Amino acid sequence: MTSVDDINSLESEAGIIASLIHKPDFIFYSEYLLPNHFTNKENRCVYTAIGDLVERGITTIDPYNIIESLNASEATRKYADELSIEKLNELMEMSDVLARHTVEEYKMLVDNVLDAAFRRDTFQRLKECQALCYNRAETNVEEKIYSIIDDVMTEFSTTNDVPMFKDVVDDCWDEIQSRQGDGYAGIQFKFPALNEYATIEPGELFIFAAEAKQGKSMMLLNCAVDLMKKDLAVLYLDSELNTRMFTARILAHIARVEYKRLTSGSYNAEEAQRIDEARKWLKTRKFTHLYIPMFDQQTIFTAVKRVQHTMGLDVLIVDYFKGSGDGDAFDSYQELGRFVDMVKNKICGDMGICGIGAAQATTTGKVADSAKIGRNASTIAIIQDKTAEEVEADGAECGNKKLRVILNRNGMQHASGEYIDLQFNGNLISYEQAKQHIPSTPY
């Protein structure tokens, strides 16, 4: 007769542990897999430890860290007794052969283990149902059997329930109210005129677009600093500048010292003090800058998950969304669409994170790769230089840049000829809202 213990997937369990030893970030792809789903005790213990280590931001998986992790908590200390350094060393050696190195292979192993766990649990619960059927003294047997089966399906379901609207309307209203403040929903931009059109909201993706070398990255940096001033946790993913170059820009912006003089060292004592104060302030902020020249979905997803676990995360900034026709960050035009979709839905949507990004604009003021980006973006705003005629008509005090909201699923967008006035200072990496021009009206 088959024993419930014979329903297992030991090879897949071993493959999961081996894979996590080499790529612990893969654990973010198995959030529904729990230690009790493993049949092998050693695998169960190691999986528990790796999950704890990754949540703490520790990515070195070795016997010492595994034992220390389990010993750190009263709840898991008993698991440490199940392991020995000798067993763990043997496990490390075997991992070189058993480890899988792609997310797809890892997910397949996870599915195998979950399937075996589902079958075991169902087998056990059906035995309970069998006992109920044999016991003639039992009452409400149908109700009890439904309850037993429902418990199994709920535990192993990887999809969300579909509630009736009456069950969610109050929670939705509470969330709407929680986003209210100063007459706006969500987090405000540093530009009051822009907030009349859109704000920074969890689950939404706001895109700034501009032609090449027209200040996209500088706009994102301005947004990042403004969000830091609001004490929000920000992750800045950068495919353009390494962290040293980004640091020079952000210090120039905060200290208001010209970039060229800051990087060359030709600043005075008072400016040096401002730079030092800017560095000290940055150390108090919940901010992470990651330079990733070649974006890919796996790298971005695991980076976001890691920062979310270790620091918390309110806003993700992506610099920037682009296709790979000229050797840019994506392997193909189709991959760009999948990437934007992943950021909008799996990161912003599923994780409740605010998203801000940048994209390339054409000389005619349209977004390059617009079909792929516009399909997923919540709002797209174009940054453009004002023409000499516009500067003269508006007045110098109305700035040298114009910002137009051209796509907006959450509010108004600009009509042809309408725009927000901005003042851009490239030397100081600075965008400020300028005096707003008075639109001319034809007689």
Protein backbone atom coordinates (compact mmCIF):
# COMPACT_ATOMS: atom_id res chain seq x y z
CA MET A 1 0.00 0.00 0.00
CA THR A 2 1.32 3.45 -0.91
CA SER A 3 2.39 5.60 2.01
CA VAL A 4 1.82 9.34 2.01
CA ASP A 5 5.60 9.75 2.43
CA ASP A 6 6.05 8.16 -1.00
CA ILE A 7 4.36 11.19 -2.55
CA ASN A 8 7.38 13.43 -2.85
CA SER A 9 9.74 15.16 -5.22
CA LEU A 10 13.08 14.76 -3.47
CA GLU A 11 15.12 15.51 -6.60
CA SER A 12 13.33 18.84 -7.02
CA GLU A 13 13.73 19.65 -3.33
CA ALA A 14 17.48 19.07 -3.61
CA GLY A 15 17.58 21.16 -6.80
CA ILE A 16 15.83 24.08 -5.09
CA ILE A 17 18.28 24.11 -2.19
CA ALA A 18 21.28 23.76 -4.52
CA SER A 19 20.00 26.61 -6.70
CA LEU A 20 19.44 28.90 -3.71
CA ILE A 21 22.95 28.26 -2.41
CA HIS A 22 24.29 29.75 -5.65
CA LYS A 23 21.48 32.23 -6.40
CA PRO A 24 19.69 33.07 -3.12
CA ASP A 25 17.67 35.81 -4.85
CA PHE A 26 15.72 33.05 -6.61
CA ILE A 27 13.77 32.65 -3.36
CA PHE A 28 11.74 35.70 -4.40
CA TYR A 29 10.26 33.50 -7.13
CA SER A 30 8.98 30.90 -4.67
CA GLU A 31 6.97 32.98 -2.21
CA TYR A 32 4.22 30.35 -2.06
CA LEU A 33 6.68 27.57 -1.22
CA LEU A 34 6.87 27.04 2.55
CA PRO A 35 9.34 24.97 4.62
CA ASN A 36 6.60 22.48 5.53
CA HIS A 37 6.14 21.67 1.83
CA PHE A 38 9.51 19.86 1.87
CA THR A 39 9.56 16.19 2.88
CA ASN A 40 13.30 16.04 3.62
CA LYS A 41 14.03 17.55 7.06
CA GLU A 42 17.44 18.89 6.08
CA ASN A 43 16.02 20.62 3.01
CA ARG A 44 13.25 22.09 5.15
CA CYS A 45 15.75 23.51 7.63
CA VAL A 46 18.08 24.95 5.01
CA TYR A 47 15.21 26.55 3.08
CA THR A 48 14.04 28.21 6.32
CA ALA A 49 17.53 29.58 6.96
CA ILE A 50 18.05 30.86 3.42
CA GLY A 51 14.72 32.69 3.51
CA ASP A 52 15.75 34.41 6.75
CA LEU A 53 19.20 35.32 5.43
CA VAL A 54 17.87 36.83 2.20
CA GLU A 55 15.31 38.92 4.09
CA ARG A 56 18.20 40.34 6.12
CA GLY A 57 20.11 41.17 2.94
CA ILE A 58 22.71 38.42 3.45
CA THR A 59 23.50 36.64 0.20
CA THR A 60 26.44 34.46 1.28
CA ILE A 61 24.95 31.01 1.85
CA ASP A 62 27.43 28.84 3.74
CA PRO A 63 27.24 26.39 6.68
CA TYR A 64 28.13 29.04 9.26
CA ASN A 65 25.43 31.52 8.17
CA ILE A 66 22.81 28.76 7.93
CA ILE A 67 23.47 27.53 11.48
CA GLU A 68 23.66 31.06 12.89
CA SER A 69 20.38 31.99 11.21
CA LEU A 70 18.55 29.03 12.73
CA ASN A 71 20.08 29.61 16.16
CA ALA A 72 19.05 33.27 16.13
CA SER A 73 15.39 32.49 16.77
CA GLU A 74 13.75 30.36 19.43
CA ALA A 75 11.23 29.19 16.85
CA THR A 76 13.91 27.78 14.53
CA ARG A 77 16.61 26.76 17.03
CA LYS A 78 15.34 23.18 16.99
CA TYR A 79 16.06 23.06 13.24
CA ALA A 80 19.74 23.74 13.87
CA ASP A 81 19.93 20.45 15.80
CA GLU A 82 18.83 18.62 12.64
CA LEU A 83 21.94 19.81 10.82
CA SER A 84 25.69 19.46 11.20
CA ILE A 85 28.61 21.20 9.58
CA GLU A 86 29.54 17.93 7.89
CA LYS A 87 26.06 17.54 6.36
CA LEU A 88 26.05 21.14 5.21
CA ASN A 89 29.51 20.89 3.66
CA GLU A 90 28.35 17.83 1.76
CA LEU A 91 25.29 19.78 0.63
CA MET A 92 27.50 22.64 -0.60
CA GLU A 93 29.62 20.26 -2.67
CA MET A 94 26.58 18.61 -4.23
CA SER A 95 25.04 22.00 -5.05
CA ASP A 96 27.59 22.62 -7.80
CA VAL A 97 26.08 19.75 -9.78
CA LEU A 98 22.41 20.09 -8.82
CA ALA A 99 21.96 23.87 -9.04
CA ARG A 100 19.77 25.35 -11.78
CA HIS A 101 20.82 28.74 -13.13
CA THR A 102 17.70 30.17 -14.76
CA VAL A 103 14.47 31.38 -13.20
CA GLU A 104 12.42 29.13 -15.48
CA GLU A 105 14.25 25.97 -14.33
CA TYR A 106 13.95 27.03 -10.69
CA LYS A 107 10.22 27.68 -11.03
CA MET A 108 9.79 24.21 -12.54
CA LEU A 109 11.42 22.67 -9.45
CA VAL A 110 9.17 24.76 -7.19
CA ASP A 111 6.08 23.63 -9.10
CA ASN A 112 7.14 19.99 -8.65
CA VAL A 113 7.56 20.35 -4.88
CA LEU A 114 4.28 22.26 -4.51
CA ASP A 115 2.48 19.62 -6.57
CA ALA A 116 3.81 16.82 -4.34
CA ALA A 117 2.89 18.78 -1.20
CA PHE A 118 -0.61 19.38 -2.55
CA ARG A 119 -1.06 15.69 -3.28
CA ARG A 120 0.18 14.69 0.20
CA ASP A 121 -2.06 17.17 1.96
CA THR A 122 -5.04 16.18 -0.17
CA PHE A 123 -4.33 12.50 0.55
CA GLN A 124 -4.32 13.17 4.31
CA ARG A 125 -7.45 15.32 4.20
CA LEU A 126 -9.33 12.75 2.13
CA LYS A 127 -8.50 10.18 4.79
CA GLU A 128 -10.20 12.52 7.26
CA CYS A 129 -13.20 12.65 4.92
CA GLN A 130 -13.16 8.85 4.74
CA ALA A 131 -13.27 8.65 8.53
CA LEU A 132 -16.22 11.02 8.59
CA CYS A 133 -18.08 8.84 6.10
CA TYR A 134 -17.45 5.66 8.11
CA ASN A 135 -18.65 7.25 11.36
CA ARG A 136 -22.45 7.01 11.28
CA ALA A 137 -22.66 9.22 14.38
CA GLU A 138 -21.20 12.20 12.53
CA THR A 139 -23.61 15.01 11.60
CA ASN A 140 -23.29 17.76 8.99
CA VAL A 141 -20.89 15.52 7.07
CA GLU A 142 -21.31 17.40 3.80
CA GLU A 143 -20.44 20.74 5.43
CA LYS A 144 -17.39 19.27 7.15
CA ILE A 145 -16.09 17.66 3.96
CA TYR A 146 -16.48 20.94 2.03
CA SER A 147 -14.57 22.72 4.79
CA ILE A 148 -11.72 20.18 4.72
CA ILE A 149 -11.35 20.36 0.93
CA ASP A 150 -11.61 24.17 0.94
CA ASP A 151 -8.73 24.37 3.43
CA VAL A 152 -6.49 22.43 1.03
CA MET A 153 -7.44 24.51 -1.99
CA THR A 154 -6.95 27.78 -0.11
CA GLU A 155 -3.51 26.84 1.20
CA PHE A 156 -2.17 25.85 -2.21
CA SER A 157 -3.91 28.48 -4.29
CA THR A 158 -1.43 30.89 -5.91
CA THR A 159 -4.15 33.20 -7.15
CA ASN A 160 -6.00 35.86 -5.23
CA ASP A 161 -9.62 35.41 -4.24
CA VAL A 162 -12.17 37.26 -6.33
CA PRO A 163 -14.27 39.13 -3.75
CA MET A 164 -17.63 40.70 -4.38
CA PHE A 165 -17.49 44.47 -4.69
CA LYS A 166 -19.52 44.94 -1.51
CA ASP A 167 -16.67 43.27 0.37
CA VAL A 168 -13.97 45.63 -0.93
CA VAL A 169 -15.67 49.00 -1.38
CA ASP A 170 -14.97 50.13 2.21
CA ASP A 171 -11.28 49.16 2.00
CA CYS A 172 -10.97 50.95 -1.34
CA TRP A 173 -12.55 54.08 0.12
CA ASP A 174 -10.15 53.95 3.06
CA GLU A 175 -7.23 53.77 0.61
CA ILE A 176 -8.63 56.67 -1.41
CA GLN A 177 -8.88 58.75 1.75
CA SER A 178 -5.36 57.77 2.84
CA ARG A 179 -3.99 59.25 -0.40
CA GLN A 180 -5.77 62.56 0.07
CA GLY A 181 -3.79 65.59 1.19
CA ASP A 182 -3.47 69.28 0.31
CA GLY A 183 -6.09 68.87 -2.39
CA TYR A 184 -4.19 66.10 -4.22
CA ALA A 185 -4.14 62.32 -4.28
CA GLY A 186 -0.78 60.59 -3.93
CA ILE A 187 2.69 62.06 -3.50
CA GLN A 188 3.17 65.50 -5.03
CA PHE A 189 5.90 66.37 -7.53
CA LYS A 190 8.12 69.37 -6.78
CA PHE A 191 6.24 71.22 -9.57
CA PRO A 192 2.82 72.43 -8.32
CA ALA A 193 1.54 72.97 -11.85
CA LEU A 194 2.22 69.32 -12.73
CA ASN A 195 0.29 68.10 -9.69
CA GLU A 196 -2.85 69.56 -11.25
CA TYR A 197 -2.52 66.81 -13.87
CA ALA A 198 -0.93 63.86 -12.08
CA THR A 199 0.88 62.87 -8.90
CA ILE A 200 3.09 59.96 -7.85
CA GLU A 201 0.85 57.09 -6.76
CA PRO A 202 1.38 53.48 -5.68
CA GLY A 203 0.59 51.12 -8.52
CA GLU A 204 1.11 53.80 -11.19
CA LEU A 205 3.98 54.46 -13.61
CA PHE A 206 4.77 58.06 -14.60
CA ILE A 207 7.10 58.54 -17.60
CA PHE A 208 9.11 61.67 -18.47
CA ALA A 209 10.10 61.70 -22.14
CA ALA A 210 12.64 63.90 -23.90
CA GLU A 211 14.98 63.84 -26.86
CA ALA A 212 18.51 62.51 -26.39
CA LYS A 213 20.66 64.59 -24.01
CA GLN A 214 17.78 66.89 -23.12
CA GLY A 215 17.68 66.34 -19.37
CA LYS A 216 15.69 63.14 -18.74
CA SER A 217 18.15 61.80 -16.16
CA MET A 218 18.45 65.20 -14.50
CA MET A 219 14.66 65.36 -14.15
CA LEU A 220 14.63 61.94 -12.49
CA LEU A 221 17.42 63.01 -10.13
CA ASN A 222 15.41 66.10 -9.15
CA CYS A 223 12.42 63.87 -8.43
CA ALA A 224 14.57 61.47 -6.39
CA VAL A 225 15.93 64.25 -4.16
CA ASP A 226 12.48 65.74 -3.66
CA LEU A 227 11.15 62.32 -2.62
CA MET A 228 14.07 61.87 -0.23
CA LYS A 229 13.17 65.21 1.35
CA LYS A 230 9.74 63.69 2.00
CA ASP A 231 11.50 60.84 3.86
CA LEU A 232 10.40 58.23 1.32
CA ALA A 233 12.40 55.10 0.44
CA VAL A 234 13.66 55.36 -3.16
CA LEU A 235 15.42 52.88 -5.45
CA TYR A 236 17.09 54.44 -8.52
CA LEU A 237 17.93 51.95 -11.29
CA ASP A 238 20.40 53.56 -13.67
CA SER A 239 21.49 52.24 -17.07
CA GLU A 240 23.33 55.48 -17.89
CA LEU A 241 25.60 56.58 -15.03
CA ASN A 242 27.72 54.56 -12.63
CA THR A 243 27.33 55.42 -8.96
CA ARG A 244 30.43 57.65 -8.86
CA MET A 245 29.16 59.85 -11.70
CA PHE A 246 25.64 59.87 -10.24
CA THR A 247 27.08 60.93 -6.87
CA ALA A 248 28.82 63.90 -8.48
CA ARG A 249 25.53 64.99 -10.05
CA ILE A 250 23.43 64.63 -6.94
CA LEU A 251 25.97 66.48 -4.80
CA ALA A 252 26.10 69.32 -7.34
CA HIS A 253 22.31 69.49 -7.25
CA ILE A 254 21.91 69.44 -3.45
CA ALA A 255 24.92 71.65 -2.64
CA ARG A 256 24.18 73.99 -5.58
CA VAL A 257 27.76 73.87 -6.79
CA GLU A 258 28.35 73.79 -10.53
CA TYR A 259 28.99 70.23 -11.72
CA LYS A 260 32.20 71.03 -13.58
CA ARG A 261 33.70 72.89 -10.61
CA LEU A 262 32.64 70.15 -8.20
CA THR A 263 34.25 67.38 -10.26
CA SER A 264 37.43 69.39 -10.92
CA GLY A 265 37.82 70.48 -7.30
CA SER A 266 37.76 74.20 -8.14
CA TYR A 267 35.26 75.17 -5.45
CA ASN A 268 35.77 77.52 -2.48
CA ALA A 269 35.68 76.73 1.25
CA GLU A 270 32.04 77.69 1.67
CA GLU A 271 31.03 75.45 -1.22
CA ALA A 272 33.15 72.61 0.19
CA GLN A 273 31.15 72.88 3.40
CA ARG A 274 27.88 72.69 1.44
CA ILE A 275 29.13 69.58 -0.36
CA ASP A 276 30.07 67.99 2.98
CA GLU A 277 26.62 68.80 4.41
CA ALA A 278 24.99 67.28 1.32
CA ARG A 279 26.99 64.06 1.79
CA LYS A 280 25.98 63.88 5.45
CA TRP A 281 22.32 64.44 4.58
CA LEU A 282 22.37 61.70 1.92
CA LYS A 283 23.62 59.25 4.54
CA THR A 284 20.40 59.81 6.51
CA ARG A 285 18.12 59.01 3.56
CA LYS A 286 16.52 55.70 2.55
CA PHE A 287 18.02 55.77 -0.92
CA THR A 288 19.68 53.16 -3.14
CA HIS A 289 21.36 53.78 -6.51
CA LEU A 290 22.11 50.74 -8.69
CA TYR A 291 24.05 51.01 -11.93
CA ILE A 292 22.86 48.27 -14.29
CA PRO A 293 24.08 48.93 -17.86
CA MET A 294 22.01 46.08 -19.32
CA PHE A 295 18.52 45.89 -17.84
CA ASP A 296 16.78 42.52 -17.73
CA GLN A 297 13.61 41.47 -15.97
CA GLN A 298 15.22 39.01 -13.55
CA THR A 299 17.90 41.46 -12.38
CA ILE A 300 15.40 44.29 -11.86
CA PHE A 301 12.80 42.14 -10.11
CA THR A 302 15.29 40.65 -7.65
CA ALA A 303 16.88 44.06 -7.00
CA VAL A 304 13.49 45.55 -6.16
CA LYS A 305 12.61 42.60 -3.93
CA ARG A 306 15.92 42.80 -2.07
CA VAL A 307 15.59 46.54 -1.42
CA GLN A 308 11.96 46.12 -0.42
CA HIS A 309 12.95 43.50 2.18
CA THR A 310 16.00 45.30 3.56
CA MET A 311 15.08 49.00 3.41
CA GLY A 312 11.44 49.17 2.47
CA LEU A 313 10.51 50.78 -0.83
CA ASP A 314 8.07 53.55 -1.72
CA VAL A 315 9.23 54.67 -5.16
CA LEU A 316 11.11 52.95 -8.00
CA ILE A 317 12.87 55.22 -10.52
CA VAL A 318 13.99 53.69 -13.83
CA ASP A 319 16.56 55.57 -15.94
CA TYR A 320 15.53 54.70 -18.58
CA PHE A 321 13.12 52.65 -20.77
CA LYS A 322 14.66 52.14 -24.21
CA GLY A 323 14.91 49.68 -27.08
CA SER A 324 18.11 48.00 -28.20
CA GLY A 325 18.32 49.02 -31.84
CA ASP A 326 21.60 50.84 -31.20
CA GLY A 327 23.00 48.67 -28.43
CA ASP A 328 20.81 49.99 -25.63
CA ALA A 329 19.67 48.20 -22.52
CA PHE A 330 17.16 45.76 -24.03
CA ASP A 331 17.67 42.76 -26.27
CA SER A 332 14.72 43.55 -28.51
CA TYR A 333 11.77 45.84 -29.10
CA GLN A 334 9.47 43.08 -27.83
CA GLU A 335 11.57 42.70 -24.68
CA LEU A 336 11.10 46.41 -24.00
CA GLY A 337 7.34 45.93 -23.99
CA ARG A 338 7.63 42.99 -21.59
CA PHE A 339 9.94 44.98 -19.34
CA VAL A 340 7.64 48.02 -19.11
CA ASP A 341 4.72 45.66 -18.46
CA MET A 342 6.67 43.94 -15.66
CA VAL A 343 7.57 47.26 -13.98
CA LYS A 344 4.02 48.62 -14.21
CA ASN A 345 2.13 45.48 -13.20
CA LYS A 346 4.38 43.14 -11.20
CA ILE A 347 6.33 45.85 -9.35
CA CYS A 348 4.14 48.94 -9.19
CA GLY A 349 0.82 47.10 -9.28
CA ASP A 350 1.39 43.90 -7.30
CA MET A 351 3.83 45.42 -4.78
CA GLY A 352 2.02 48.75 -4.35
CA ILE A 353 5.12 50.77 -5.31
CA CYS A 354 5.15 54.14 -7.09
CA GLY A 355 6.96 54.12 -10.43
CA ILE A 356 8.75 56.96 -12.24
CA GLY A 357 10.79 56.49 -15.39
CA ALA A 358 12.12 58.15 -18.49
CA ALA A 359 11.89 57.37 -22.20
CA GLN A 360 13.27 58.74 -25.44
CA ALA A 361 11.19 61.24 -27.40
CA THR A 362 11.41 61.93 -31.11
CA THR A 363 12.06 65.36 -32.62
CA THR A 364 8.33 65.64 -33.31
CA GLY A 365 7.50 65.30 -29.60
CA LYS A 366 6.33 61.70 -29.65
CA VAL A 367 7.62 58.89 -27.46
CA ALA A 368 10.00 56.52 -29.19
CA ASP A 369 8.73 52.93 -28.93
CA SER A 370 5.44 54.56 -27.87
CA ALA A 371 3.28 51.52 -28.55
CA LYS A 372 5.24 49.48 -26.00
CA ILE A 373 5.62 52.24 -23.41
CA GLY A 374 2.32 54.08 -23.78
CA ARG A 375 0.37 50.85 -23.43
CA ASN A 376 1.55 50.43 -19.83
CA ALA A 377 2.41 53.92 -18.58
CA SER A 378 -0.16 55.70 -16.44
CA THR A 379 1.02 59.16 -17.49
CA ILE A 380 3.54 60.42 -20.06
CA ALA A 381 4.92 63.97 -19.98
CA ILE A 382 7.22 65.41 -22.66
CA ILE A 383 10.11 67.73 -21.73
CA GLN A 384 11.16 70.11 -24.53
CA ASP A 385 13.31 73.19 -25.00
CA LYS A 386 11.34 76.34 -25.58
CA THR A 387 11.93 77.96 -28.93
CA ALA A 388 13.41 81.45 -29.05
CA GLU A 389 9.97 82.72 -30.06
CA GLU A 390 8.33 81.04 -27.06
CA VAL A 391 10.92 82.47 -24.64
CA GLU A 392 10.32 85.95 -26.04
CA ALA A 393 6.54 85.60 -25.97
CA ASP A 394 6.38 84.10 -22.47
CA GLY A 395 9.12 86.21 -20.89
CA ALA A 396 12.51 85.11 -19.56
CA GLU A 397 11.06 84.65 -16.06
CA CYS A 398 8.88 81.85 -17.46
CA GLY A 399 11.88 79.60 -17.98
CA ASN A 400 13.60 77.79 -20.81
CA LYS A 401 11.80 74.40 -20.78
CA LYS A 402 8.23 73.32 -21.31
CA LEU A 403 6.52 70.22 -19.93
CA ARG A 404 3.46 68.78 -21.64
CA VAL A 405 1.29 65.92 -20.31
CA ILE A 406 0.43 64.06 -23.51
CA LEU A 407 -1.07 60.85 -22.10
CA ASN A 408 -2.87 60.56 -18.80
CA ARG A 409 -5.11 57.77 -17.55
CA ASN A 410 -5.59 59.48 -14.20
CA GLY A 411 -6.66 62.98 -15.16
CA MET A 412 -6.32 65.83 -17.63
CA GLN A 413 -3.74 66.22 -20.36
CA HIS A 414 -2.51 69.25 -22.25
CA ALA A 415 -4.15 70.44 -25.44
CA SER A 416 -1.98 71.47 -28.38
CA GLY A 417 -0.01 74.62 -27.49
CA GLU A 418 -0.48 74.23 -23.72
CA TYR A 419 2.46 73.54 -21.40
CA ILE A 420 3.97 73.99 -17.94
CA ASP A 421 6.91 76.42 -17.65
CA LEU A 422 10.14 75.08 -16.12
CA GLN A 423 13.56 76.59 -15.51
CA PHE A 424 16.43 74.20 -16.24
CA ASN A 425 20.01 74.77 -15.12
CA GLY A 426 22.27 72.01 -16.42
CA ASN A 427 25.29 73.26 -14.47
CA LEU A 428 23.43 72.75 -11.20
CA ILE A 429 21.45 69.68 -12.38
CA SER A 430 18.36 71.65 -11.47
CA TYR A 431 14.73 71.82 -12.60
CA GLU A 432 12.45 74.38 -10.93
CA GLN A 433 8.96 75.51 -11.73
CA ALA A 434 9.18 78.93 -13.40
CA LYS A 435 6.57 81.66 -13.47
CA GLN A 436 3.69 80.32 -15.54
CA HIS A 437 3.05 82.18 -18.78
CA ILE A 438 -0.32 83.66 -19.67
CA PRO A 439 -1.58 81.86 -22.79
CA SER A 440 -2.30 84.21 -25.67
CA THR A 441 -5.91 84.25 -26.75
CA PRO A 442 -6.89 85.07 -30.32
CA TYR A 443 -9.29 87.95 -30.81
